[in-house]
């Protein structure tokens, strides 16, 4: 059963505080909607989840032209 707050929403903080084995077990019990809720409310740097691809309708060249940067360039400039 999912760890829920009194209002019925997921208790993200409690889930993230679980030891890895219990965390994996808890995540396995979530419904698809609960997983979407979990991922939408999770701060970017708190995830134990693998990276997920996000589909876009533009090319890398388009993004670079709009001012985007490559990770390698950012690291090399630090």
PDB file of N, CA and C in Angstrom:
ATOM      1  N   UNK A   1       0.838  -1.185   0.000  1.00  0.00           N
ATOM      2  CA  UNK A   1       0.000   0.000   0.000  1.00  0.00           C
ATOM      3  C   UNK A   1       0.881   1.246   0.000  1.00  0.00           C
ATOM      4  N   UNK A   2       0.503   2.235  -0.772  1.00  0.00           N
ATOM      5  CA  UNK A   2       1.289   3.451  -0.919  1.00  0.00           C
ATOM      6  C   UNK A   2       1.271   4.275   0.359  1.00  0.00           C
ATOM      7  N   UNK A   3       2.384   4.948   0.618  1.00  0.00           N
ATOM      8  CA  UNK A   3       2.462   5.854   1.755  1.00  0.00           C
ATOM      9  C   UNK A   3       1.727   7.138   1.390  1.00  0.00           C
ATOM     10  N   UNK A   4       0.617   7.399   2.084  1.00  0.00           N
ATOM     11  CA  UNK A   4      -0.225   8.541   1.756  1.00  0.00           C
ATOM     12  C   UNK A   4      -0.311   9.517   2.920  1.00  0.00           C
ATOM     13  N   UNK A   5      -0.550  10.782   2.569  1.00  0.00           N
ATOM     14  CA  UNK A   5      -0.831  11.804   3.573  1.00  0.00           C
ATOM     15  C   UNK A   5      -2.309  11.701   3.941  1.00  0.00           C
ATOM     16  N   UNK A   6      -2.726  12.474   4.931  1.00  0.00           N
ATOM     17  CA  UNK A   6      -4.132  12.433   5.359  1.00  0.00           C
ATOM     18  C   UNK A   6      -5.083  12.846   4.248  1.00  0.00           C
ATOM     19  N   UNK A   7      -4.631  13.725   3.342  1.00  0.00           N
ATOM     20  CA  UNK A   7      -5.496  14.177   2.246  1.00  0.00           C
ATOM     21  C   UNK A   7      -5.541  13.188   1.081  1.00  0.00           C
ATOM     22  N   UNK A   8      -4.793  12.085   1.179  1.00  0.00           N
ATOM     23  CA  UNK A   8      -4.810  11.059   0.146  1.00  0.00           C
ATOM     24  C   UNK A   8      -3.707  11.179  -0.882  1.00  0.00           C
ATOM     25  N   UNK A   9      -2.941  12.272  -0.838  1.00  0.00           N
ATOM     26  CA  UNK A   9      -1.830  12.424  -1.783  1.00  0.00           C
ATOM     27  C   UNK A   9      -0.624  11.636  -1.288  1.00  0.00           C
ATOM     28  N   UNK A  10       0.298  11.363  -2.202  1.00  0.00           N
ATOM     29  CA  UNK A  10       1.493  10.604  -1.840  1.00  0.00           C
ATOM     30  C   UNK A  10       2.375  11.407  -0.889  1.00  0.00           C
ATOM     31  N   UNK A  11       2.959  10.731   0.076  1.00  0.00           N
ATOM     32  CA  UNK A  11       3.898  11.353   1.001  1.00  0.00           C
ATOM     33  C   UNK A  11       5.303  11.179   0.426  1.00  0.00           C
ATOM     34  N   UNK A  12       5.682  12.098  -0.452  1.00  0.00           N
ATOM     35  CA  UNK A  12       6.943  12.021  -1.184  1.00  0.00           C
ATOM     36  C   UNK A  12       8.133  11.955  -0.227  1.00  0.00           C
ATOM     37  N   UNK A  13       8.116  12.780   0.807  1.00  0.00           N
ATOM     38  CA  UNK A  13       9.230  12.829   1.743  1.00  0.00           C
ATOM     39  C   UNK A  13       9.437  11.482   2.439  1.00  0.00           C
ATOM     40  N   UNK A  14       8.351  10.855   2.873  1.00  0.00           N
ATOM     41  CA  UNK A  14       8.456   9.549   3.538  1.00  0.00           C
ATOM     42  C   UNK A  14       8.940   8.480   2.570  1.00  0.00           C
ATOM     43  N   UNK A  15       8.442   8.516   1.344  1.00  0.00           N
ATOM     44  CA  UNK A  15       8.859   7.526   0.345  1.00  0.00           C
ATOM     45  C   UNK A  15      10.358   7.660   0.081  1.00  0.00           C
ATOM     46  N   UNK A  16      10.828   8.898  -0.094  1.00  0.00           N
ATOM     47  CA  UNK A  16      12.246   9.126  -0.398  1.00  0.00           C
ATOM     48  C   UNK A  16      13.151   8.801   0.779  1.00  0.00           C
ATOM     49  N   UNK A  17      12.621   8.816   1.991  1.00  0.00           N
ATOM     50  CA  UNK A  17      13.436   8.539   3.179  1.00  0.00           C
ATOM     51  C   UNK A  17      13.591   7.040   3.435  1.00  0.00           C
ATOM     52  N   UNK A  18      12.861   6.211   2.701  1.00  0.00           N
ATOM     53  CA  UNK A  18      12.944   4.766   2.906  1.00  0.00           C
ATOM     54  C   UNK A  18      14.303   4.229   2.477  1.00  0.00           C
ATOM     55  N   UNK A  19      14.773   3.162   3.132  1.00  0.00           N
ATOM     56  CA  UNK A  19      15.969   2.474   2.618  1.00  0.00           C
ATOM     57  C   UNK A  19      15.674   1.952   1.211  1.00  0.00           C
ATOM     58  N   UNK A  20      16.710   1.780   0.409  1.00  0.00           N
ATOM     59  CA  UNK A  20      16.528   1.462  -1.007  1.00  0.00           C
ATOM     60  C   UNK A  20      15.621   0.254  -1.239  1.00  0.00           C
ATOM     61  N   UNK A  21      15.816  -0.815  -0.486  1.00  0.00           N
ATOM     62  CA  UNK A  21      15.006  -2.018  -0.698  1.00  0.00           C
ATOM     63  C   UNK A  21      13.523  -1.739  -0.427  1.00  0.00           C
ATOM     64  N   UNK A  22      13.230  -1.034   0.666  1.00  0.00           N
ATOM     65  CA  UNK A  22      11.837  -0.691   0.980  1.00  0.00           C
ATOM     66  C   UNK A  22      11.285   0.304  -0.041  1.00  0.00           C
ATOM     67  N   UNK A  23      12.136   1.239  -0.498  1.00  0.00           N
ATOM     68  CA  UNK A  23      11.730   2.200  -1.519  1.00  0.00           C
ATOM     69  C   UNK A  23      11.303   1.475  -2.790  1.00  0.00           C
ATOM     70  N   UNK A  24      12.121   0.533  -3.236  1.00  0.00           N
ATOM     71  CA  UNK A  24      11.801  -0.217  -4.455  1.00  0.00           C
ATOM     72  C   UNK A  24      10.507  -1.006  -4.287  1.00  0.00           C
ATOM     73  N   UNK A  25      10.318  -1.589  -3.112  1.00  0.00           N
ATOM     74  CA  UNK A  25       9.101  -2.351  -2.833  1.00  0.00           C
ATOM     75  C   UNK A  25       7.884  -1.411  -2.858  1.00  0.00           C
ATOM     76  N   UNK A  26       8.028  -0.254  -2.238  1.00  0.00           N
ATOM     77  CA  UNK A  26       6.933   0.722  -2.209  1.00  0.00           C
ATOM     78  C   UNK A  26       6.604   1.220  -3.616  1.00  0.00           C
ATOM     79  N   UNK A  27       7.626   1.533  -4.402  1.00  0.00           N
ATOM     80  CA  UNK A  27       7.392   2.023  -5.762  1.00  0.00           C
ATOM     81  C   UNK A  27       6.690   0.972  -6.613  1.00  0.00           C
ATOM     82  N   UNK A  28       6.959  -0.298  -6.329  1.00  0.00           N
ATOM     83  CA  UNK A  28       6.309  -1.380  -7.070  1.00  0.00           C
ATOM     84  C   UNK A  28       4.831  -1.509  -6.782  1.00  0.00           C
ATOM     85  N   UNK A  29       4.361  -0.917  -5.690  1.00  0.00           N
ATOM     86  CA  UNK A  29       2.944  -1.016  -5.343  1.00  0.00           C
ATOM     87  C   UNK A  29       2.122   0.150  -5.881  1.00  0.00           C
ATOM     88  N   UNK A  30       2.791   1.170  -6.421  1.00  0.00           N
ATOM     89  CA  UNK A  30       2.075   2.355  -6.889  1.00  0.00           C
ATOM     90  C   UNK A  30       1.350   2.087  -8.204  1.00  0.00           C
ATOM     91  N   UNK A  31       0.205   2.736  -8.367  1.00  0.00           N
ATOM     92  CA  UNK A  31      -0.510   2.680  -9.634  1.00  0.00           C
ATOM     93  C   UNK A  31       0.185   3.604 -10.628  1.00  0.00           C
ATOM     94  N   UNK A  32      -0.174   3.509 -11.881  1.00  0.00           N
ATOM     95  CA  UNK A  32       0.417   4.376 -12.906  1.00  0.00           C
ATOM     96  C   UNK A  32       0.154   5.849 -12.585  1.00  0.00           C
ATOM     97  N   UNK A  33      -1.052   6.171 -12.117  1.00  0.00           N
ATOM     98  CA  UNK A  33      -1.386   7.545 -11.767  1.00  0.00           C
ATOM     99  C   UNK A  33      -0.553   8.025 -10.579  1.00  0.00           C
ATOM    100  N   UNK A  34      -0.312   7.142  -9.603  1.00  0.00           N
ATOM    101  CA  UNK A  34       0.492   7.511  -8.451  1.00  0.00           C
ATOM    102  C   UNK A  34       1.950   7.738  -8.853  1.00  0.00           C
ATOM    103  N   UNK A  35       2.455   6.940  -9.782  1.00  0.00           N
ATOM    104  CA  UNK A  35       3.828   7.144 -10.258  1.00  0.00           C
ATOM    105  C   UNK A  35       3.935   8.496 -10.959  1.00  0.00           C
ATOM    106  N   UNK A  36       2.943   8.850 -11.769  1.00  0.00           N
ATOM    107  CA  UNK A  36       2.946  10.158 -12.432  1.00  0.00           C
ATOM    108  C   UNK A  36       2.918  11.277 -11.403  1.00  0.00           C
ATOM    109  N   UNK A  37       2.085  11.123 -10.359  1.00  0.00           N
ATOM    110  CA  UNK A  37       2.031  12.118  -9.288  1.00  0.00           C
ATOM    111  C   UNK A  37       3.384  12.220  -8.595  1.00  0.00           C
ATOM    112  N   UNK A  38       3.977  11.086  -8.281  1.00  0.00           N
ATOM    113  CA  UNK A  38       5.275  11.045  -7.611  1.00  0.00           C
ATOM    114  C   UNK A  38       6.323  11.791  -8.435  1.00  0.00           C
ATOM    115  N   UNK A  39       6.433  11.465  -9.704  1.00  0.00           N
ATOM    116  CA  UNK A  39       7.447  12.073 -10.558  1.00  0.00           C
ATOM    117  C   UNK A  39       7.187  13.555 -10.784  1.00  0.00           C
ATOM    118  N   UNK A  40       5.914  13.976 -10.825  1.00  0.00           N
ATOM    119  CA  UNK A  40       5.610  15.384 -11.066  1.00  0.00           C
ATOM    120  C   UNK A  40       5.911  16.256  -9.857  1.00  0.00           C
ATOM    121  N   UNK A  41       5.857  15.693  -8.648  1.00  0.00           N
ATOM    122  CA  UNK A  41       6.087  16.470  -7.431  1.00  0.00           C
ATOM    123  C   UNK A  41       7.500  16.340  -6.892  1.00  0.00           C
ATOM    124  N   UNK A  42       8.285  15.487  -7.479  1.00  0.00           N
ATOM    125  CA  UNK A  42       9.618  15.200  -6.983  1.00  0.00           C
ATOM    126  C   UNK A  42      10.608  16.268  -7.436  1.00  0.00           C
ATOM    127  N   UNK A  43      11.370  16.858  -6.512  1.00  0.00           N
ATOM    128  CA  UNK A  43      12.421  17.798  -6.943  1.00  0.00           C
ATOM    129  C   UNK A  43      13.419  17.073  -7.835  1.00  0.00           C
ATOM    130  N   UNK A  44      13.979  17.785  -8.778  1.00  0.00           N
ATOM    131  CA  UNK A  44      14.859  17.171  -9.769  1.00  0.00           C
ATOM    132  C   UNK A  44      16.051  16.457  -9.152  1.00  0.00           C
ATOM    133  N   UNK A  45      16.580  16.972  -8.055  1.00  0.00           N
ATOM    134  CA  UNK A  45      17.775  16.381  -7.483  1.00  0.00           C
ATOM    135  C   UNK A  45      17.501  15.324  -6.418  1.00  0.00           C
ATOM    136  N   UNK A  46      16.235  14.957  -6.185  1.00  0.00           N
ATOM    137  CA  UNK A  46      15.893  13.969  -5.162  1.00  0.00           C
ATOM    138  C   UNK A  46      15.533  12.598  -5.716  1.00  0.00           C
ATOM    139  N   UNK A  47      15.534  12.432  -6.992  1.00  0.00           N
ATOM    140  CA  UNK A  47      15.039  11.204  -7.591  1.00  0.00           C
ATOM    141  C   UNK A  47      16.011  10.037  -7.443  1.00  0.00           C
ATOM    142  N   UNK A  48      15.461   8.865  -7.151  1.00  0.00           N
ATOM    143  CA  UNK A  48      16.227   7.623  -7.192  1.00  0.00           C
ATOM    144  C   UNK A  48      15.927   6.892  -8.498  1.00  0.00           C
ATOM    145  N   UNK A  49      15.128   7.517  -9.321  1.00  0.00           N
ATOM    146  CA  UNK A  49      14.721   6.937 -10.595  1.00  0.00           C
ATOM    147  C   UNK A  49      15.798   7.172 -11.649  1.00  0.00           C
ATOM    148  N   UNK A  50      15.859   6.321 -12.668  1.00  0.00           N
ATOM    149  CA  UNK A  50      16.793   6.577 -13.764  1.00  0.00           C
ATOM    150  C   UNK A  50      16.332   7.777 -14.588  1.00  0.00           C
ATOM    151  N   UNK A  51      17.230   8.312 -15.385  1.00  0.00           N
ATOM    152  CA  UNK A  51      16.896   9.414 -16.256  1.00  0.00           C
ATOM    153  C   UNK A  51      15.824   8.974 -17.249  1.00  0.00           C
ATOM    154  N   UNK A  52      14.904   9.879 -17.554  1.00  0.00           N
ATOM    155  CA  UNK A  52      13.856   9.572 -18.524  1.00  0.00           C
ATOM    156  C   UNK A  52      13.989  10.482 -19.727  1.00  0.00           C
ATOM    157  N   UNK A  53      13.775   9.923 -20.906  1.00  0.00           N
ATOM    158  CA  UNK A  53      13.817  10.713 -22.139  1.00  0.00           C
ATOM    159  C   UNK A  53      12.536  11.523 -22.263  1.00  0.00           C
ATOM    160  N   UNK A  54      12.666  12.732 -22.756  1.00  0.00           N
ATOM    161  CA  UNK A  54      11.517  13.592 -23.009  1.00  0.00           C
ATOM    162  C   UNK A  54      11.502  13.895 -24.499  1.00  0.00           C
ATOM    163  N   UNK A  55      10.428  13.510 -25.163  1.00  0.00           N
ATOM    164  CA  UNK A  55      10.319  13.710 -26.598  1.00  0.00           C
ATOM    165  C   UNK A  55       9.995  15.173 -26.890  1.00  0.00           C
ATOM    166  N   UNK A  56      10.695  15.756 -27.858  1.00  0.00           N
ATOM    167  CA  UNK A  56      10.462  17.134 -28.283  1.00  0.00           C
ATOM    168  C   UNK A  56      10.326  17.167 -29.794  1.00  0.00           C
ATOM    169  N   UNK A  57       9.794  18.275 -30.290  1.00  0.00           N
ATOM    170  CA  UNK A  57       9.582  18.371 -31.738  1.00  0.00           C
ATOM    171  C   UNK A  57      10.548  19.370 -32.381  1.00  0.00           C
ATOM    172  N   UNK A  58      11.772  19.461 -31.844  1.00  0.00           N
ATOM    173  CA  UNK A  58      12.788  20.308 -32.433  1.00  0.00           C
ATOM    174  C   UNK A  58      14.132  19.579 -32.370  1.00  0.00           C
ATOM    175  N   UNK A  59      15.076  20.065 -33.157  1.00  0.00           N
ATOM    176  CA  UNK A  59      16.387  19.413 -33.234  1.00  0.00           C
ATOM    177  C   UNK A  59      17.350  20.043 -32.239  1.00  0.00           C
ATOM    178  N   UNK A  60      18.473  19.388 -32.038  1.00  0.00           N
ATOM    179  CA  UNK A  60      19.523  19.918 -31.175  1.00  0.00           C
ATOM    180  C   UNK A  60      20.026  21.256 -31.719  1.00  0.00           C
ATOM    181  N   UNK A  61      20.153  21.348 -33.018  1.00  0.00           N
ATOM    182  CA  UNK A  61      20.614  22.596 -33.623  1.00  0.00           C
ATOM    183  C   UNK A  61      19.646  23.740 -33.324  1.00  0.00           C
ATOM    184  N   UNK A  62      18.326  23.447 -33.361  1.00  0.00           N
ATOM    185  CA  UNK A  62      17.334  24.472 -33.029  1.00  0.00           C
ATOM    186  C   UNK A  62      17.500  24.931 -31.581  1.00  0.00           C
ATOM    187  N   UNK A  63      17.707  24.007 -30.675  1.00  0.00           N
ATOM    188  CA  UNK A  63      17.876  24.341 -29.258  1.00  0.00           C
ATOM    189  C   UNK A  63      19.137  25.156 -29.031  1.00  0.00           C
ATOM    190  N   UNK A  64      20.240  24.789 -29.698  1.00  0.00           N
ATOM    191  CA  UNK A  64      21.481  25.542 -29.564  1.00  0.00           C
ATOM    192  C   UNK A  64      21.324  26.959 -30.118  1.00  0.00           C
ATOM    193  N   UNK A  65      20.574  27.093 -31.197  1.00  0.00           N
ATOM    194  CA  UNK A  65      20.339  28.415 -31.784  1.00  0.00           C
ATOM    195  C   UNK A  65      19.516  29.301 -30.849  1.00  0.00           C
ATOM    196  N   UNK A  66      18.654  28.689 -30.017  1.00  0.00           N
ATOM    197  CA  UNK A  66      17.841  29.453 -29.057  1.00  0.00           C
ATOM    198  C   UNK A  66      18.606  29.769 -27.779  1.00  0.00           C
ATOM    199  N   UNK A  67      19.868  29.363 -27.702  1.00  0.00           N
ATOM    200  CA  UNK A  67      20.662  29.690 -26.529  1.00  0.00           C
ATOM    201  C   UNK A  67      20.950  28.522 -25.619  1.00  0.00           C
ATOM    202  N   UNK A  68      20.558  27.333 -25.997  1.00  0.00           N
ATOM    203  CA  UNK A  68      20.859  26.149 -25.208  1.00  0.00           C
ATOM    204  C   UNK A  68      22.353  25.852 -25.233  1.00  0.00           C
ATOM    205  N   UNK A  69      22.788  24.983 -24.334  1.00  0.00           N
ATOM    206  CA  UNK A  69      24.215  24.646 -24.263  1.00  0.00           C
ATOM    207  C   UNK A  69      24.379  23.151 -24.110  1.00  0.00           C
ATOM    208  N   UNK A  70      25.486  22.646 -24.604  1.00  0.00           N
ATOM    209  CA  UNK A  70      25.815  21.235 -24.416  1.00  0.00           C
ATOM    210  C   UNK A  70      26.430  21.045 -23.043  1.00  0.00           C
ATOM    211  N   UNK A  71      26.126  19.949 -22.414  1.00  0.00           N
ATOM    212  CA  UNK A  71      26.642  19.636 -21.075  1.00  0.00           C
ATOM    213  C   UNK A  71      28.167  19.712 -21.043  1.00  0.00           C
ATOM    214  N   UNK A  72      28.812  19.156 -22.056  1.00  0.00           N
ATOM    215  CA  UNK A  72      30.278  19.166 -22.116  1.00  0.00           C
ATOM    216  C   UNK A  72      30.824  20.578 -22.117  1.00  0.00           C
ATOM    217  N   UNK A  73      30.173  21.475 -22.842  1.00  0.00           N
ATOM    218  CA  UNK A  73      30.634  22.857 -22.902  1.00  0.00           C
ATOM    219  C   UNK A  73      30.476  23.538 -21.545  1.00  0.00           C
ATOM    220  N   UNK A  74      29.384  23.267 -20.876  1.00  0.00           N
ATOM    221  CA  UNK A  74      29.157  23.860 -19.554  1.00  0.00           C
ATOM    222  C   UNK A  74      30.238  23.393 -18.586  1.00  0.00           C
ATOM    223  N   UNK A  75      30.508  22.100 -18.562  1.00  0.00           N
ATOM    224  CA  UNK A  75      31.524  21.545 -17.653  1.00  0.00           C
ATOM    225  C   UNK A  75      32.899  22.098 -17.981  1.00  0.00           C
ATOM    226  N   UNK A  76      33.236  22.145 -19.255  1.00  0.00           N
ATOM    227  CA  UNK A  76      34.559  22.646 -19.653  1.00  0.00           C
ATOM    228  C   UNK A  76      34.746  24.129 -19.321  1.00  0.00           C
ATOM    229  N   UNK A  77      33.654  24.892 -19.281  1.00  0.00           N
ATOM    230  CA  UNK A  77      33.747  26.322 -18.988  1.00  0.00           C
ATOM    231  C   UNK A  77      33.739  26.623 -17.496  1.00  0.00           C
ATOM    232  N   UNK A  78      33.527  25.629 -16.662  1.00  0.00           N
ATOM    233  CA  UNK A  78      33.502  25.881 -15.208  1.00  0.00           C
ATOM    234  C   UNK A  78      34.888  26.088 -14.663  1.00  0.00           C
TER     235      UNK A  78
END
